[in-house]
Amino acid sequence: MKTKSIDRIKEQRQQQIEMSVKAYAKSGDVVHLEDIEAINEHYDEILKNMQLSSYFHARNFS
């Protein structure tokens, strides 16, 4: 279950990055590059929180 969730999150990240890359290629506006940075930070935070949640959940049951 957790692996599927992580894979789905990574897939969503990739899709959003691809959309921003295409938008940048079309318009040349650097705001789309900033979007990519924000997307990466957002999904990094989600994945980190998932890892911490799993860590604390495991500690509570050990």
N, C-alpha and C. Protein backbone atom coordinates (compact mmCIF):
# COMPACT_ATOMS: atom_id res chain seq x y z
N MET A 1 0.84 -1.21 0.00
CA MET A 1 0.00 0.00 0.00
C MET A 1 0.87 1.25 0.00
N LYS A 2 1.84 1.30 0.92
CA LYS A 2 2.69 2.48 1.00
C LYS A 2 3.47 2.68 -0.30
N THR A 3 3.97 1.59 -0.87
CA THR A 3 4.73 1.68 -2.11
C THR A 3 3.86 2.24 -3.23
N LYS A 4 2.61 1.80 -3.29
CA LYS A 4 1.70 2.32 -4.31
C LYS A 4 1.47 3.81 -4.12
N SER A 5 1.32 4.24 -2.88
CA SER A 5 1.11 5.66 -2.59
C SER A 5 2.33 6.48 -3.00
N ILE A 6 3.51 5.98 -2.67
CA ILE A 6 4.74 6.68 -3.03
C ILE A 6 4.89 6.74 -4.54
N ASP A 7 4.61 5.64 -5.21
CA ASP A 7 4.69 5.61 -6.67
C ASP A 7 3.71 6.60 -7.29
N ARG A 8 2.52 6.68 -6.74
CA ARG A 8 1.51 7.61 -7.26
C ARG A 8 1.94 9.05 -7.05
N ILE A 9 2.51 9.34 -5.91
CA ILE A 9 3.00 10.69 -5.63
C ILE A 9 4.11 11.06 -6.61
N LYS A 10 5.03 10.13 -6.83
CA LYS A 10 6.12 10.39 -7.78
C LYS A 10 5.59 10.59 -9.19
N GLU A 11 4.56 9.84 -9.54
CA GLU A 11 3.94 9.97 -10.86
C GLU A 11 3.28 11.35 -11.01
N GLN A 12 2.57 11.79 -9.98
CA GLN A 12 1.94 13.11 -10.01
C GLN A 12 2.99 14.20 -10.14
N ARG A 13 4.08 14.06 -9.39
CA ARG A 13 5.17 15.03 -9.47
C ARG A 13 5.69 15.11 -10.89
N GLN A 14 5.95 13.95 -11.50
CA GLN A 14 6.49 13.92 -12.85
C GLN A 14 5.53 14.57 -13.85
N GLN A 15 4.25 14.30 -13.71
CA GLN A 15 3.26 14.89 -14.61
C GLN A 15 3.25 16.41 -14.49
N GLN A 16 3.31 16.91 -13.27
CA GLN A 16 3.28 18.35 -13.08
C GLN A 16 4.56 19.00 -13.61
N ILE A 17 5.69 18.34 -13.42
CA ILE A 17 6.94 18.87 -13.95
C ILE A 17 6.89 18.91 -15.47
N GLU A 18 6.40 17.83 -16.08
CA GLU A 18 6.30 17.79 -17.54
C GLU A 18 5.41 18.91 -18.07
N MET A 19 4.32 19.19 -17.38
CA MET A 19 3.44 20.29 -17.80
C MET A 19 4.18 21.63 -17.73
N SER A 20 4.95 21.83 -16.68
CA SER A 20 5.69 23.08 -16.53
C SER A 20 6.80 23.20 -17.57
N VAL A 21 7.47 22.08 -17.88
CA VAL A 21 8.51 22.09 -18.91
C VAL A 21 7.91 22.44 -20.27
N LYS A 22 6.77 21.84 -20.57
CA LYS A 22 6.10 22.15 -21.84
C LYS A 22 5.67 23.61 -21.89
N ALA A 23 5.16 24.12 -20.79
CA ALA A 23 4.74 25.52 -20.75
C ALA A 23 5.94 26.44 -20.92
N TYR A 24 7.07 26.08 -20.30
CA TYR A 24 8.28 26.88 -20.45
C TYR A 24 8.78 26.84 -21.89
N ALA A 25 8.76 25.67 -22.50
CA ALA A 25 9.21 25.53 -23.89
C ALA A 25 8.34 26.36 -24.83
N LYS A 26 7.06 26.43 -24.51
CA LYS A 26 6.13 27.17 -25.37
C LYS A 26 6.27 28.68 -25.19
N SER A 27 6.39 29.12 -23.93
CA SER A 27 6.36 30.56 -23.67
C SER A 27 7.73 31.18 -23.39
N GLY A 28 8.65 30.37 -22.87
CA GLY A 28 9.96 30.90 -22.50
C GLY A 28 9.93 31.68 -21.19
N ASP A 29 8.80 31.70 -20.53
CA ASP A 29 8.64 32.44 -19.28
C ASP A 29 9.27 31.66 -18.13
N VAL A 30 10.23 32.28 -17.43
CA VAL A 30 10.95 31.59 -16.37
C VAL A 30 10.07 31.25 -15.17
N VAL A 31 8.89 31.80 -15.09
CA VAL A 31 7.98 31.45 -14.00
C VAL A 31 7.70 29.95 -13.99
N HIS A 32 7.74 29.33 -15.16
CA HIS A 32 7.49 27.90 -15.24
C HIS A 32 8.65 27.10 -14.63
N LEU A 33 9.87 27.64 -14.73
CA LEU A 33 11.00 26.99 -14.08
C LEU A 33 10.88 27.12 -12.57
N GLU A 34 10.39 28.25 -12.11
CA GLU A 34 10.15 28.43 -10.68
C GLU A 34 9.06 27.47 -10.20
N ASP A 35 8.09 27.22 -11.06
CA ASP A 35 7.03 26.25 -10.73
C ASP A 35 7.63 24.87 -10.49
N ILE A 36 8.60 24.49 -11.31
CA ILE A 36 9.23 23.18 -11.16
C ILE A 36 9.90 23.08 -9.81
N GLU A 37 10.59 24.13 -9.42
CA GLU A 37 11.24 24.14 -8.10
C GLU A 37 10.21 24.00 -6.99
N ALA A 38 9.11 24.73 -7.11
CA ALA A 38 8.05 24.66 -6.10
C ALA A 38 7.40 23.26 -6.07
N ILE A 39 7.21 22.68 -7.23
CA ILE A 39 6.64 21.33 -7.31
C ILE A 39 7.55 20.34 -6.59
N ASN A 40 8.84 20.43 -6.87
CA ASN A 40 9.79 19.51 -6.22
C ASN A 40 9.78 19.69 -4.71
N GLU A 41 9.78 20.91 -4.25
CA GLU A 41 9.75 21.16 -2.81
C GLU A 41 8.47 20.61 -2.18
N HIS A 42 7.36 20.82 -2.85
CA HIS A 42 6.07 20.35 -2.35
C HIS A 42 6.06 18.82 -2.20
N TYR A 43 6.47 18.13 -3.25
CA TYR A 43 6.43 16.68 -3.20
C TYR A 43 7.52 16.10 -2.30
N ASP A 44 8.66 16.77 -2.21
CA ASP A 44 9.69 16.34 -1.24
C ASP A 44 9.13 16.39 0.17
N GLU A 45 8.39 17.43 0.47
CA GLU A 45 7.79 17.58 1.80
C GLU A 45 6.76 16.47 2.06
N ILE A 46 5.94 16.17 1.07
CA ILE A 46 4.95 15.10 1.22
C ILE A 46 5.64 13.77 1.50
N LEU A 47 6.66 13.46 0.71
CA LEU A 47 7.36 12.18 0.89
C LEU A 47 8.07 12.12 2.23
N LYS A 48 8.65 13.23 2.65
CA LYS A 48 9.32 13.27 3.95
C LYS A 48 8.32 13.04 5.07
N ASN A 49 7.17 13.67 4.97
CA ASN A 49 6.13 13.49 5.99
C ASN A 49 5.63 12.05 6.02
N MET A 50 5.53 11.42 4.88
CA MET A 50 5.11 10.01 4.84
C MET A 50 6.14 9.13 5.54
N GLN A 51 7.41 9.42 5.30
CA GLN A 51 8.47 8.63 5.94
C GLN A 51 8.46 8.84 7.44
N LEU A 52 8.30 10.08 7.88
CA LEU A 52 8.26 10.36 9.32
C LEU A 52 7.06 9.70 9.96
N SER A 53 5.93 9.76 9.28
CA SER A 53 4.72 9.14 9.79
C SER A 53 4.92 7.65 9.97
N SER A 54 5.53 7.01 8.99
CA SER A 54 5.79 5.57 9.08
C SER A 54 6.76 5.27 10.21
N TYR A 55 7.76 6.10 10.37
CA TYR A 55 8.76 5.91 11.42
C TYR A 55 8.09 5.97 12.80
N PHE A 56 7.30 7.01 13.02
CA PHE A 56 6.66 7.15 14.32
C PHE A 56 5.60 6.08 14.56
N HIS A 57 4.91 5.69 13.50
CA HIS A 57 3.92 4.62 13.61
C HIS A 57 4.62 3.32 14.02
N ALA A 58 5.76 3.03 13.40
CA ALA A 58 6.49 1.81 13.73
C ALA A 58 7.03 1.86 15.16
N ARG A 59 7.47 3.00 15.60
CA ARG A 59 8.00 3.13 16.96
C ARG A 59 6.90 2.94 18.01
N ASN A 60 5.71 3.38 17.69
CA ASN A 60 4.59 3.21 18.63
C ASN A 60 4.21 1.76 18.82
N PHE A 61 4.49 0.93 17.84
CA PHE A 61 4.10 -0.48 17.91
C PHE A 61 5.27 -1.40 18.23
N SER A 62 6.45 -0.82 18.51
CA SER A 62 7.59 -1.70 18.84
C SER A 62 7.87 -1.71 20.33
